[in-house]
Amino acid sequence: MTRVGPSRHSLTKTVAVTGAEAGAVLGGARLPLPPGSLGAPEIVPDAPGPGLLTVRCPDAWLGTSAARDETYGYLADVLAALADSARSLRATLHAPGVQLDANGPRPALADDPHAMCTVDDAEQEVLVNLLRRHSPTLIALTGRVRVGGPADRAGSRRLLESREHLATRYLAAPGARYLEHHRGELRRREGISDLLRMDVAPVVGRPGVAAEVVIRCVDAQVSLADLRAQALLLDALALKARRMAARGLRETDVAQRVIDTDRTRAVAEGLRAQFVKPGGRDVGADGGGSGGVSARLAGRRLLRELVPELTLLEASALELLPLLAPLELPDLGLRPLRTQDLLGRAAAGRPGELRDCAEAQLCDPSPGGALREALRETSPGRLELLLANWDAFLAGGVVPTDLPAADSRPRRGDHNNRGGRGGQGDRSGQRAQNRKGGGAPGGRNGNGGENRGSSNGGGSNRGNGSPLNRGNSNSNSTGRNDNRGDNGSGVSNSRSDKGRSDNGRSDDGRNGNRGGSGGTRGGGSADGQQQRRRPGRPADRTDRRDS
């Protein structure tokens, strides 16, 4: 029996130096020796820009919890040595994008690139297309903004300002020959001559060097704990692609328009973005619509789909906490929380607190990192509940089925229609409900009507005193309708004591309401909506026609 194992993973941590030259910090550092299972790290100063350092651990194997502890423990020792060298020069080592001096220039942002090794061309093709499909979700999960300056609500400030990153194109066939053809076609059609400009790019293997897939859409994180969680997510995706390739499966193509639209929204809004549903209707400008899915819900679904692979990788809920906290905490009644949010709180504290926190969090390799300590202080019970639920998922090793079909949080378009009272202050929610053929959301209508029943416009509607209508009602309830009003505002096509009113016409000849609006005053429009004149505004079409 053969077990499909994880891939080797070359991970890179990018750090920044404030107060000294990056080359001087590297020259004065006393770096520790790597353990036997790891190679020597590759440290490059002033890359990818001035004042930055990249620390690359090539071909690390992160398939077990013990292997990850060893790798990130050594990486933390390397960063601690660089931090000691920076302190000796009266400088500070911290994550990119952290502004220690509020009056200083804006700090540079960077990425933490990852490279996943593949065993053959077929696995490379599946992995590229799998990561391409989930790239907007990865951007929403890993996007960062600057800390210490003005408030920023962007999803990924680096990708928002970058002109060197492009959405990934679909890889239709494996092999070096097709990649060369693919590169030439992109050069002719879109002017792209380098595949490495894409968020996810394939790299052709050479003699003695395995083929790779490079991921460039992950922002540089403020903590090693965040890097550990995100690398574990990428390892799970690589393991899923390897298992798919072993069974002869391929990743289906997603329309490039959908990828581009979702990526743009993830870069601009992060987890607040609303994604397009492939093959469905696009969402509206107000964030509503039934054809889309929120980035937060897409992230929750992705993590649940990868539970079998995460179980094989010996993952724990505490390791995944930097990913779970912004996704799962809102369902527990808490605000989404990230490690960069903790740095933002430190920036508002005493002078020097941001400097200390930025350095301490950067060198912390423990699972969960500073998020675990912050949640244990503020919400220990809910933290334990979250960790217990996910430890149970990972122990079972099967895809959970507890995820709702839609996001539980109300969308922006639903804030005025939450049920309960439906008076004049809730006029927009009342109109939206009436357009669907229903009545007031429930409770007592503020215009003088009362709905008693189990659904929209159902039950008993009592108004101002017209004949009593019972039975054979076309409203959405199964009870009786008492329509008492001088305008015939009950449900049409019902039998009354004095005969039958046809075509929405009541006893006194006026047009009735076909939607059962719950006794709301008005003229009765064709779509079941009761309209009334507003003071200071021109008359509606219905009012002009009646007059």
Protein backbone atom coordinates (compact mmCIF):
# COMPACT_ATOMS: atom_id res chain seq x y z
CA MET A 1 0.00 0.00 0.00
CA THR A 2 1.33 3.42 -1.00
CA ARG A 3 0.56 6.54 0.97
CA VAL A 4 0.47 9.84 -0.88
CA GLY A 5 2.59 12.18 1.21
CA PRO A 6 3.11 15.95 1.29
CA SER A 7 5.41 17.93 -0.96
CA ARG A 8 8.63 19.64 -0.10
CA HIS A 9 8.16 23.31 0.57
CA SER A 10 10.58 26.21 0.11
CA LEU A 11 9.33 29.02 2.31
CA THR A 12 10.63 32.58 2.55
CA LYS A 13 10.22 35.09 5.39
CA THR A 14 10.72 38.73 4.51
CA VAL A 15 11.64 41.14 7.32
CA ALA A 16 12.41 44.86 7.52
CA VAL A 17 15.11 46.84 9.35
CA THR A 18 14.50 50.33 10.71
CA GLY A 19 17.45 52.41 11.93
CA ALA A 20 20.36 50.68 10.15
CA GLU A 21 21.42 49.17 6.86
CA ALA A 22 20.16 45.66 6.16
CA GLY A 23 23.64 44.54 5.06
CA ALA A 24 25.18 45.77 8.34
CA VAL A 25 22.58 43.86 10.37
CA LEU A 26 23.30 40.66 8.43
CA GLY A 27 27.06 41.15 8.72
CA GLY A 28 26.92 41.46 12.51
CA ALA A 29 24.55 38.53 13.13
CA ARG A 30 25.78 35.28 14.69
CA LEU A 31 23.56 32.81 12.91
CA PRO A 32 22.89 29.39 14.49
CA LEU A 33 23.77 26.15 12.73
CA PRO A 34 20.83 24.39 11.07
CA PRO A 35 19.66 20.97 12.29
CA GLY A 36 20.54 17.90 10.26
CA SER A 37 17.19 17.76 8.45
CA LEU A 38 17.45 21.34 7.16
CA GLY A 39 19.81 23.05 4.81
CA ALA A 40 21.53 26.35 5.47
CA PRO A 41 19.18 29.30 5.03
CA GLU A 42 19.64 31.72 2.15
CA ILE A 43 19.64 35.31 3.49
CA VAL A 44 19.70 38.15 0.98
CA PRO A 45 19.93 41.81 2.12
CA ASP A 46 18.06 44.63 0.39
CA ALA A 47 15.75 42.18 -1.34
CA PRO A 48 13.14 42.65 -2.63
CA GLY A 49 13.83 46.31 -1.82
CA PRO A 50 15.99 48.64 0.30
CA GLY A 51 15.77 48.01 4.03
CA LEU A 52 14.42 44.47 3.61
CA LEU A 53 15.90 41.03 4.27
CA THR A 54 14.70 37.72 2.87
CA VAL A 55 15.36 34.51 4.79
CA ARG A 56 14.68 31.43 2.63
CA CYS A 57 14.56 27.86 3.89
CA PRO A 58 14.90 25.70 0.76
CA ASP A 59 13.20 22.31 0.31
CA ALA A 60 11.87 21.95 3.85
CA TRP A 61 9.67 18.96 4.61
CA LEU A 62 6.72 20.06 6.76
CA GLY A 63 4.62 16.91 6.71
CA THR A 64 4.41 16.33 10.48
CA SER A 65 3.92 18.48 13.54
CA ALA A 66 7.40 17.60 14.83
CA ALA A 67 9.00 18.61 11.52
CA ARG A 68 7.19 21.95 11.60
CA ASP A 69 8.26 22.57 15.19
CA GLU A 70 11.88 21.97 14.20
CA THR A 71 11.74 24.13 11.08
CA TYR A 72 9.99 27.13 12.60
CA GLY A 73 12.02 26.86 15.78
CA TYR A 74 15.20 27.18 13.75
CA LEU A 75 13.73 30.03 11.69
CA ALA A 76 12.86 31.81 14.95
CA ASP A 77 16.47 31.40 16.13
CA VAL A 78 17.73 32.95 12.88
CA LEU A 79 15.37 35.91 13.24
CA ALA A 80 16.36 36.33 16.91
CA ALA A 81 20.03 36.50 15.89
CA LEU A 82 19.22 39.16 13.30
CA ALA A 83 17.17 41.07 15.90
CA ASP A 84 20.10 40.99 18.36
CA SER A 85 22.40 42.35 15.66
CA ALA A 86 19.90 45.11 14.88
CA ARG A 87 19.61 46.10 18.54
CA SER A 88 23.40 46.36 18.77
CA LEU A 89 23.19 48.94 15.98
CA ARG A 90 20.27 50.70 17.72
CA ALA A 91 17.91 49.46 15.05
CA THR A 92 14.78 47.29 15.07
CA LEU A 93 13.92 44.14 13.14
CA HIS A 94 10.20 43.87 12.34
CA ALA A 95 7.76 42.77 9.67
CA PRO A 96 7.40 44.85 6.49
CA GLY A 97 4.68 47.47 6.52
CA VAL A 98 5.04 48.40 10.22
CA GLN A 99 5.55 52.14 10.68
CA LEU A 100 7.44 52.66 13.94
CA ASP A 101 7.68 56.44 13.54
CA ALA A 102 4.34 58.12 12.92
CA ASN A 103 6.08 61.09 11.28
CA GLY A 104 8.41 58.98 9.14
CA PRO A 105 7.96 57.82 5.55
CA ARG A 106 5.56 55.05 4.67
CA PRO A 107 7.22 51.65 5.14
CA ALA A 108 7.58 49.27 2.24
CA LEU A 109 5.33 46.25 1.89
CA ALA A 110 6.54 42.85 0.70
CA ASP A 111 5.44 39.25 0.23
CA ASP A 112 6.31 35.88 1.73
CA PRO A 113 6.72 33.79 -1.45
CA HIS A 114 6.29 30.02 -1.29
CA ALA A 115 7.50 27.35 -3.72
CA MET A 116 5.93 23.87 -3.77
CA CYS A 117 7.85 21.00 -5.35
CA THR A 118 5.97 18.65 -7.69
CA VAL A 119 6.86 15.12 -8.76
CA ASP A 120 5.74 15.40 -12.38
CA ASP A 121 4.13 17.70 -14.92
CA ALA A 122 0.61 16.39 -14.32
CA GLU A 123 0.79 17.26 -10.62
CA GLN A 124 2.15 20.70 -11.48
CA GLU A 125 -0.79 21.36 -13.80
CA VAL A 126 -3.38 20.28 -11.19
CA LEU A 127 -1.71 22.31 -8.43
CA VAL A 128 -1.50 25.50 -10.51
CA ASN A 129 -5.16 25.32 -11.49
CA LEU A 130 -6.28 24.40 -7.96
CA LEU A 131 -4.41 27.36 -6.48
CA ARG A 132 -5.74 29.57 -9.28
CA ARG A 133 -9.32 28.74 -8.37
CA HIS A 134 -8.71 29.55 -4.70
CA SER A 135 -6.35 32.50 -5.23
CA PRO A 136 -8.99 35.18 -4.41
CA THR A 137 -9.73 33.39 -1.13
CA LEU A 138 -6.00 33.13 -0.34
CA ILE A 139 -5.59 36.86 -0.99
CA ALA A 140 -8.53 37.68 1.30
CA LEU A 141 -7.08 35.44 4.04
CA THR A 142 -3.47 36.61 3.84
CA GLY A 143 -3.81 40.24 2.72
CA ARG A 144 -2.22 42.92 4.89
CA VAL A 145 -2.15 46.68 5.27
CA ARG A 146 0.32 49.05 6.88
CA VAL A 147 0.34 49.21 10.68
CA GLY A 148 1.08 52.34 12.68
CA GLY A 149 -0.22 54.89 10.20
CA PRO A 150 -3.71 55.99 9.13
CA ALA A 151 -6.50 53.42 9.24
CA ASP A 152 -6.70 51.33 6.10
CA ARG A 153 -9.61 49.07 5.09
CA ALA A 154 -8.02 47.56 1.98
CA GLY A 155 -7.65 43.82 1.70
CA SER A 156 -4.06 43.78 0.43
CA ARG A 157 -2.40 47.16 0.15
CA ARG A 158 0.66 45.64 -1.56
CA LEU A 159 -1.35 44.08 -4.40
CA LEU A 160 -3.53 47.18 -4.64
CA GLU A 161 -0.45 49.34 -5.32
CA SER A 162 1.50 46.77 -7.35
CA ARG A 163 1.84 46.88 -11.13
CA GLU A 164 3.81 43.65 -11.32
CA HIS A 165 1.16 41.12 -10.27
CA LEU A 166 -1.44 39.52 -12.50
CA ALA A 167 -4.21 37.03 -11.98
CA THR A 168 -3.26 33.45 -12.80
CA ARG A 169 -4.23 32.02 -16.19
CA TYR A 170 -5.56 28.53 -16.64
CA LEU A 171 -2.95 25.88 -17.43
CA ALA A 172 -4.54 23.62 -20.04
CA ALA A 173 -1.78 21.01 -20.42
CA PRO A 174 1.35 19.89 -18.56
CA GLY A 175 4.94 19.91 -19.77
CA ALA A 176 7.74 22.31 -20.60
CA ARG A 177 6.75 22.47 -24.27
CA TYR A 178 3.24 23.67 -23.45
CA LEU A 179 4.56 26.22 -20.94
CA GLU A 180 6.69 27.76 -23.66
CA HIS A 181 3.67 27.87 -25.98
CA HIS A 182 1.59 29.33 -23.12
CA ARG A 183 4.17 32.05 -22.51
CA GLY A 184 4.22 33.00 -26.19
CA GLU A 185 0.43 33.20 -26.37
CA LEU A 186 0.27 35.44 -23.28
CA ARG A 187 2.96 37.67 -24.78
CA ARG A 188 0.97 38.13 -27.97
CA ARG A 189 -2.44 38.56 -26.35
CA GLU A 190 -1.75 40.42 -23.11
CA GLY A 191 1.88 41.53 -23.23
CA ILE A 192 3.00 39.19 -20.43
CA SER A 193 6.47 37.84 -21.09
CA ASP A 194 7.25 36.45 -17.62
CA LEU A 195 5.00 33.83 -16.03
CA LEU A 196 6.39 34.73 -12.59
CA ARG A 197 4.35 37.92 -12.67
CA MET A 198 1.23 35.83 -12.05
CA ASP A 199 -0.04 35.12 -8.53
CA VAL A 200 0.61 31.39 -9.06
CA ALA A 201 3.30 30.49 -11.59
CA PRO A 202 4.72 27.15 -12.80
CA VAL A 203 8.50 26.77 -13.00
CA VAL A 204 9.97 24.18 -15.34
CA GLY A 205 12.24 21.62 -13.75
CA ARG A 206 15.89 21.20 -14.69
CA PRO A 207 18.33 18.31 -14.32
CA GLY A 208 18.74 17.83 -10.60
CA VAL A 209 16.07 20.45 -9.77
CA ALA A 210 12.42 19.48 -9.41
CA ALA A 211 9.61 21.42 -11.04
CA GLU A 212 7.95 23.94 -8.75
CA VAL A 213 4.85 26.05 -8.35
CA VAL A 214 5.56 29.54 -6.97
CA ILE A 215 2.89 31.38 -4.94
CA ARG A 216 3.38 35.16 -4.89
CA CYS A 217 -0.01 36.39 -3.70
CA VAL A 218 0.73 35.92 0.04
CA ASP A 219 1.68 39.12 1.87
CA ALA A 220 4.56 39.22 4.35
CA GLN A 221 3.08 38.39 7.74
CA VAL A 222 3.79 40.05 11.07
CA SER A 223 4.36 36.78 12.93
CA LEU A 224 5.92 33.37 12.40
CA ALA A 225 2.69 31.89 13.75
CA ASP A 226 0.81 33.44 10.81
CA LEU A 227 3.42 32.16 8.37
CA ARG A 228 3.11 28.68 9.88
CA ALA A 229 -0.68 28.59 9.50
CA GLN A 230 -0.60 29.84 5.91
CA ALA A 231 2.16 27.44 4.89
CA LEU A 232 0.10 24.60 6.41
CA LEU A 233 -2.87 25.66 4.28
CA LEU A 234 -0.71 25.64 1.14
CA ASP A 235 0.71 22.23 2.07
CA ALA A 236 -2.83 20.88 2.35
CA LEU A 237 -3.71 22.24 -1.10
CA ALA A 238 -0.53 20.70 -2.54
CA LEU A 239 -1.38 17.35 -0.94
CA LYS A 240 -4.90 17.51 -2.40
CA ALA A 241 -3.46 18.23 -5.86
CA ARG A 242 -1.07 15.28 -5.52
CA ARG A 243 -3.91 12.95 -4.57
CA MET A 244 -6.01 14.21 -7.48
CA ALA A 245 -3.15 13.65 -9.94
CA ALA A 246 -2.58 10.15 -8.57
CA ARG A 247 -6.22 9.29 -9.32
CA GLY A 248 -6.06 10.82 -12.79
CA LEU A 249 -8.27 13.81 -11.94
CA ARG A 250 -7.89 17.34 -13.29
CA GLU A 251 -9.04 20.74 -12.09
CA THR A 252 -11.83 22.24 -14.15
CA ASP A 253 -11.45 25.64 -15.76
CA VAL A 254 -13.04 28.68 -14.12
CA ALA A 255 -13.82 31.63 -16.39
CA GLN A 256 -11.03 34.21 -16.31
CA ARG A 257 -13.61 36.95 -15.82
CA VAL A 258 -14.69 35.33 -12.55
CA ILE A 259 -11.09 35.01 -11.32
CA ASP A 260 -10.31 38.62 -12.22
CA THR A 261 -13.46 39.97 -10.58
CA ASP A 262 -13.03 37.97 -7.37
CA ARG A 263 -9.35 38.87 -7.16
CA THR A 264 -10.09 42.57 -7.55
CA ARG A 265 -12.69 42.45 -4.80
CA ALA A 266 -10.42 40.45 -2.47
CA VAL A 267 -7.56 42.93 -2.97
CA ALA A 268 -9.86 45.88 -2.29
CA GLU A 269 -11.98 44.53 0.58
CA GLY A 270 -10.37 41.39 2.01
CA LEU A 271 -12.76 39.11 3.85
CA ARG A 272 -15.54 41.70 3.42
CA ALA A 273 -15.58 41.04 -0.33
CA GLN A 274 -18.48 39.39 -2.15
CA PHE A 275 -17.37 36.84 -4.73
CA VAL A 276 -19.04 35.90 -7.99
CA LYS A 277 -20.57 32.46 -8.18
CA PRO A 278 -19.27 30.69 -11.32
CA GLY A 279 -22.17 30.16 -13.70
CA GLY A 280 -24.51 32.24 -11.51
CA ARG A 281 -25.78 35.78 -11.43
CA ASP A 282 -23.38 38.44 -10.26
CA VAL A 283 -23.97 40.26 -7.00
CA GLY A 284 -25.33 43.76 -6.87
CA ALA A 285 -23.51 46.93 -6.10
CA ASP A 286 -24.80 46.94 -2.53
CA GLY A 287 -23.27 43.55 -1.75
CA GLY A 288 -26.55 41.67 -1.95
CA GLY A 289 -27.80 39.22 -4.51
CA SER A 290 -28.28 35.50 -4.49
CA GLY A 291 -25.58 34.69 -7.04
CA GLY A 292 -22.49 35.40 -4.92
CA VAL A 293 -20.75 34.21 -1.80
CA SER A 294 -18.81 36.22 0.76
CA ALA A 295 -15.04 35.82 0.99
CA ARG A 296 -15.43 34.82 4.62
CA LEU A 297 -17.78 32.00 3.73
CA ALA A 298 -15.47 30.92 0.88
CA GLY A 299 -12.60 30.71 3.38
CA ARG A 300 -14.65 28.62 5.78
CA ARG A 301 -15.62 26.24 3.01
CA LEU A 302 -12.02 25.92 1.85
CA LEU A 303 -10.74 24.98 5.30
CA ARG A 304 -13.49 22.40 5.73
CA GLU A 305 -12.82 20.86 2.31
CA LEU A 306 -9.17 20.41 3.30
CA VAL A 307 -9.86 18.64 6.62
CA PRO A 308 -8.77 15.19 5.27
CA GLU A 309 -5.46 16.63 4.03
CA LEU A 310 -4.93 18.64 7.23
CA THR A 311 -5.47 15.44 9.23
CA LEU A 312 -2.76 13.67 7.22
CA LEU A 313 -0.44 16.61 7.95
CA GLU A 314 -1.07 16.20 11.73
CA ALA A 315 -2.46 19.72 11.94
CA SER A 316 -4.03 21.05 15.13
CA ALA A 317 -6.64 23.72 15.68
CA LEU A 318 -4.10 25.84 17.56
CA GLU A 319 -1.80 25.85 14.52
CA LEU A 320 -4.68 27.03 12.34
CA LEU A 321 -5.83 29.72 14.80
CA PRO A 322 -4.49 32.66 12.71
CA LEU A 323 -6.79 31.45 9.91
CA LEU A 324 -9.71 30.40 12.10
CA ALA A 325 -9.92 33.60 14.17
CA PRO A 326 -11.01 35.94 11.34
CA LEU A 327 -13.30 33.27 9.85
CA GLU A 328 -15.00 31.58 12.80
CA LEU A 329 -15.09 34.16 15.61
CA PRO A 330 -18.07 36.11 14.16
CA ASP A 331 -20.23 32.99 14.55
CA LEU A 332 -19.28 32.94 18.24
CA GLY A 333 -20.35 36.53 18.79
CA LEU A 334 -16.86 38.08 18.57
CA ARG A 335 -15.26 40.42 16.09
CA PRO A 336 -12.80 38.96 13.55
CA LEU A 337 -9.27 39.18 14.90
CA ARG A 338 -5.84 39.01 13.28
CA THR A 339 -2.32 39.39 14.56
CA GLN A 340 -1.94 42.68 12.70
CA ASP A 341 -4.95 43.97 14.67
CA LEU A 342 -2.99 43.40 17.87
CA LEU A 343 -0.16 45.49 16.43
CA GLY A 344 -2.67 48.21 15.61
CA ARG A 345 -3.73 48.29 19.27
CA ALA A 346 -0.09 48.53 20.33
CA ALA A 347 0.41 51.48 17.97
CA ALA A 348 -2.24 53.39 19.93
CA GLY A 349 -0.57 52.62 23.28
CA ARG A 350 2.48 54.00 25.00
CA PRO A 351 5.52 55.15 22.99
CA GLY A 352 7.77 52.22 22.15
CA GLU A 353 5.08 49.58 22.68
CA LEU A 354 4.66 49.02 18.94
CA ARG A 355 8.42 48.53 18.57
CA ASP A 356 8.53 45.88 21.30
CA CYS A 357 5.42 44.06 20.08
CA ALA A 358 6.53 44.02 16.44
CA GLU A 359 9.85 42.39 17.29
CA ALA A 360 8.37 39.93 19.79
CA GLN A 361 5.61 38.74 17.47
CA LEU A 362 7.96 38.38 14.52
CA CYS A 363 10.18 35.91 16.41
CA ASP A 364 7.38 33.89 18.06
CA PRO A 365 7.13 30.41 16.46
CA SER A 366 4.57 28.96 18.88
CA PRO A 367 1.28 27.72 17.36
CA GLY A 368 -1.35 30.43 17.64
CA GLY A 369 1.19 33.04 18.67
CA ALA A 370 -0.06 36.30 20.15
CA LEU A 371 -3.65 35.57 19.08
CA ARG A 372 -3.87 32.69 21.51
CA GLU A 373 -2.78 34.85 24.44
CA ALA A 374 -5.07 37.73 23.48
CA LEU A 375 -8.14 35.50 23.18
CA ARG A 376 -7.36 33.68 26.42
CA GLU A 377 -7.41 37.02 28.22
CA THR A 378 -10.61 38.36 26.66
CA SER A 379 -12.73 35.32 25.68
CA PRO A 380 -11.26 32.09 27.08
CA GLY A 381 -14.51 30.12 26.89
CA ARG A 382 -15.19 30.88 23.25
CA LEU A 383 -11.58 30.21 22.34
CA GLU A 384 -11.76 26.76 23.92
CA LEU A 385 -15.05 26.10 22.14
CA LEU A 386 -13.53 27.03 18.77
CA LEU A 387 -10.44 24.88 19.34
CA ALA A 388 -12.50 21.93 20.59
CA ASN A 389 -14.77 22.02 17.53
CA TRP A 390 -11.88 22.05 15.10
CA ASP A 391 -9.88 19.44 16.98
CA ALA A 392 -12.94 17.21 16.63
CA PHE A 393 -13.05 17.91 12.87
CA LEU A 394 -9.37 17.07 12.49
CA ALA A 395 -9.67 13.94 14.59
CA GLY A 396 -12.47 12.65 12.37
CA GLY A 397 -10.55 13.31 9.17
CA VAL A 398 -13.66 13.81 7.03
CA VAL A 399 -15.17 16.94 5.52
CA PRO A 400 -17.56 18.52 8.09
CA THR A 401 -21.14 19.22 7.12
CA ASP A 402 -21.89 21.98 9.63
CA LEU A 403 -21.30 24.90 7.25
CA PRO A 404 -24.44 26.91 6.38
CA ALA A 405 -25.33 27.51 2.77
CA ALA A 406 -25.12 31.29 3.26
CA ASP A 407 -23.30 33.70 5.51
CA SER A 408 -25.05 34.11 8.85
CA ARG A 409 -24.26 37.82 9.13
CA PRO A 410 -26.80 40.21 7.54
CA ARG A 411 -25.73 41.79 4.28
CA ARG A 412 -25.73 45.52 3.80
CA GLY A 413 -28.92 45.35 1.78
CA ASP A 414 -30.80 43.61 4.62
CA HIS A 415 -30.17 46.03 7.47
CA ASN A 416 -33.63 47.64 7.15
CA ASN A 417 -35.58 44.39 7.02
CA ARG A 418 -34.85 42.14 9.96
CA GLY A 419 -38.46 41.20 10.84
CA GLY A 420 -40.30 42.31 13.94
CA ARG A 421 -41.87 45.73 13.72
CA GLY A 422 -42.76 46.94 10.24
CA GLY A 423 -43.88 50.54 10.69
CA GLN A 424 -43.03 53.63 8.70
CA GLY A 425 -39.43 53.57 9.82
CA ASP A 426 -39.07 50.21 8.05
CA ARG A 427 -40.59 51.31 4.77
CA SER A 428 -37.81 49.88 2.55
CA GLY A 429 -38.04 46.45 4.15
CA GLN A 430 -41.86 46.54 3.82
CA ARG A 431 -41.63 47.35 0.12
CA ALA A 432 -39.10 44.59 -0.57
CA GLN A 433 -41.35 42.12 1.22
CA ASN A 434 -44.47 43.23 -0.66
CA ARG A 435 -42.74 42.88 -4.05
CA LYS A 436 -42.41 39.16 -3.37
CA GLY A 437 -46.15 38.84 -2.76
CA GLY A 438 -45.93 38.88 1.02
CA GLY A 439 -47.03 41.24 3.71
CA ALA A 440 -45.35 42.79 6.69
CA PRO A 441 -42.45 40.88 8.23
CA GLY A 442 -44.46 40.23 11.36
CA GLY A 443 -45.75 41.95 14.44
CA ARG A 444 -47.95 45.09 14.24
CA ASN A 445 -47.85 47.28 11.17
CA GLY A 446 -47.11 50.91 11.95
CA ASN A 447 -49.82 52.12 9.54
CA GLY A 448 -52.70 50.66 11.46
CA GLY A 449 -52.77 47.02 10.29
CA GLU A 450 -52.08 43.92 12.28
CA ASN A 451 -50.85 40.62 10.84
CA ARG A 452 -51.72 37.46 12.67
CA GLY A 453 -50.48 34.32 10.97
CA SER A 454 -47.54 32.14 10.22
CA SER A 455 -46.15 33.79 7.10
CA ASN A 456 -46.07 36.86 4.86
CA GLY A 457 -49.30 38.77 4.98
CA GLY A 458 -51.02 35.79 6.56
CA GLY A 459 -53.38 35.45 9.44
CA SER A 460 -55.81 38.19 10.27
CA ASN A 461 -55.60 41.76 8.94
CA ARG A 462 -57.74 44.26 10.79
CA GLY A 463 -57.99 47.85 9.67
CA ASN A 464 -60.62 50.57 9.89
CA GLY A 465 -63.99 48.89 9.41
CA SER A 466 -65.15 47.27 6.16
CA PRO A 467 -67.10 44.05 5.58
CA LEU A 468 -65.76 40.84 7.03
CA ASN A 469 -64.09 38.47 4.52
CA ARG A 470 -63.43 34.87 5.42
CA GLY A 471 -61.89 31.90 3.62
CA ASN A 472 -60.61 31.31 0.09
CA SER A 473 -57.91 33.92 0.51
CA ASN A 474 -54.95 34.22 -1.85
CA SER A 475 -52.55 35.35 0.84
CA ASN A 476 -49.62 33.23 2.02
CA SER A 477 -51.22 32.00 5.25
CA THR A 478 -53.76 29.30 5.92
CA GLY A 479 -55.87 31.13 8.49
CA ARG A 480 -58.76 33.51 8.03
CA ASN A 481 -58.50 37.10 6.83
CA ASP A 482 -60.49 39.79 8.58
CA ASN A 483 -60.25 42.84 6.31
CA ARG A 484 -61.81 45.87 7.85
CA GLY A 485 -60.96 49.05 6.01
CA ASP A 486 -62.66 51.76 4.03
CA ASN A 487 -60.30 51.27 1.07
CA GLY A 488 -60.73 47.55 0.62
CA SER A 489 -57.13 46.96 1.67
CA GLY A 490 -57.48 43.24 2.29
CA VAL A 491 -56.62 40.40 -0.02
CA SER A 492 -58.48 40.23 -3.30
CA ASN A 493 -60.29 37.25 -4.80
CA SER A 494 -61.86 36.31 -1.44
CA ARG A 495 -65.48 35.54 -0.65
CA SER A 496 -67.28 38.00 1.64
CA ASP A 497 -70.72 38.24 3.25
CA LYS A 498 -71.99 40.44 0.43
CA GLY A 499 -70.61 38.48 -2.48
CA ARG A 500 -67.34 37.94 -4.32
CA SER A 501 -64.93 40.72 -5.24
CA ASP A 502 -63.17 39.98 -8.52
CA ASN A 503 -59.92 41.28 -10.05
CA GLY A 504 -58.80 42.98 -6.90
CA ARG A 505 -61.97 45.16 -6.68
CA SER A 506 -63.66 45.55 -3.27
CA ASP A 507 -67.30 46.43 -2.40
CA ASP A 508 -66.89 50.14 -2.86
CA GLY A 509 -65.23 49.74 -6.28
CA ARG A 510 -61.69 50.68 -5.30
CA ASN A 511 -58.63 48.63 -6.18
CA GLY A 512 -57.64 46.21 -3.44
CA ASN A 513 -54.17 45.01 -2.51
CA ARG A 514 -53.20 41.72 -4.16
CA GLY A 515 -50.21 41.05 -1.93
CA GLY A 516 -51.74 41.17 1.53
CA SER A 517 -49.81 44.13 2.89
CA GLY A 518 -51.21 43.82 6.38
CA GLY A 519 -53.64 46.76 6.38
CA THR A 520 -51.27 49.39 5.06
CA ARG A 521 -53.09 52.40 3.66
CA GLY A 522 -52.74 53.20 -0.05
CA GLY A 523 -54.04 52.64 -3.52
CA GLY A 524 -52.88 49.08 -4.18
CA SER A 525 -50.28 48.66 -6.95
CA ALA A 526 -50.06 45.80 -9.41
CA ASP A 527 -47.05 44.19 -7.71
CA GLY A 528 -48.80 43.89 -4.36
CA GLN A 529 -47.13 46.98 -2.85
CA GLN A 530 -49.19 49.56 -0.97
CA GLN A 531 -47.87 53.05 -1.74
CA ARG A 532 -48.62 56.30 0.00
CA ARG A 533 -47.76 59.89 -0.73
CA ARG A 534 -44.81 61.30 1.16
CA PRO A 535 -44.95 64.87 2.44
CA GLY A 536 -42.87 67.26 0.38
CA ARG A 537 -42.48 64.89 -2.60
CA PRO A 538 -44.38 64.68 -5.92
CA ALA A 539 -47.29 62.29 -6.09
CA ASP A 540 -46.60 58.73 -7.20
CA ARG A 541 -47.96 57.43 -10.45
CA THR A 542 -50.71 55.54 -8.66
CA ASP A 543 -51.87 58.67 -6.85
CA ARG A 544 -51.89 60.70 -10.07
CA ARG A 545 -53.84 58.00 -11.88
CA ASP A 546 -56.44 57.74 -9.09
CA SER A 547 -56.85 61.49 -8.96
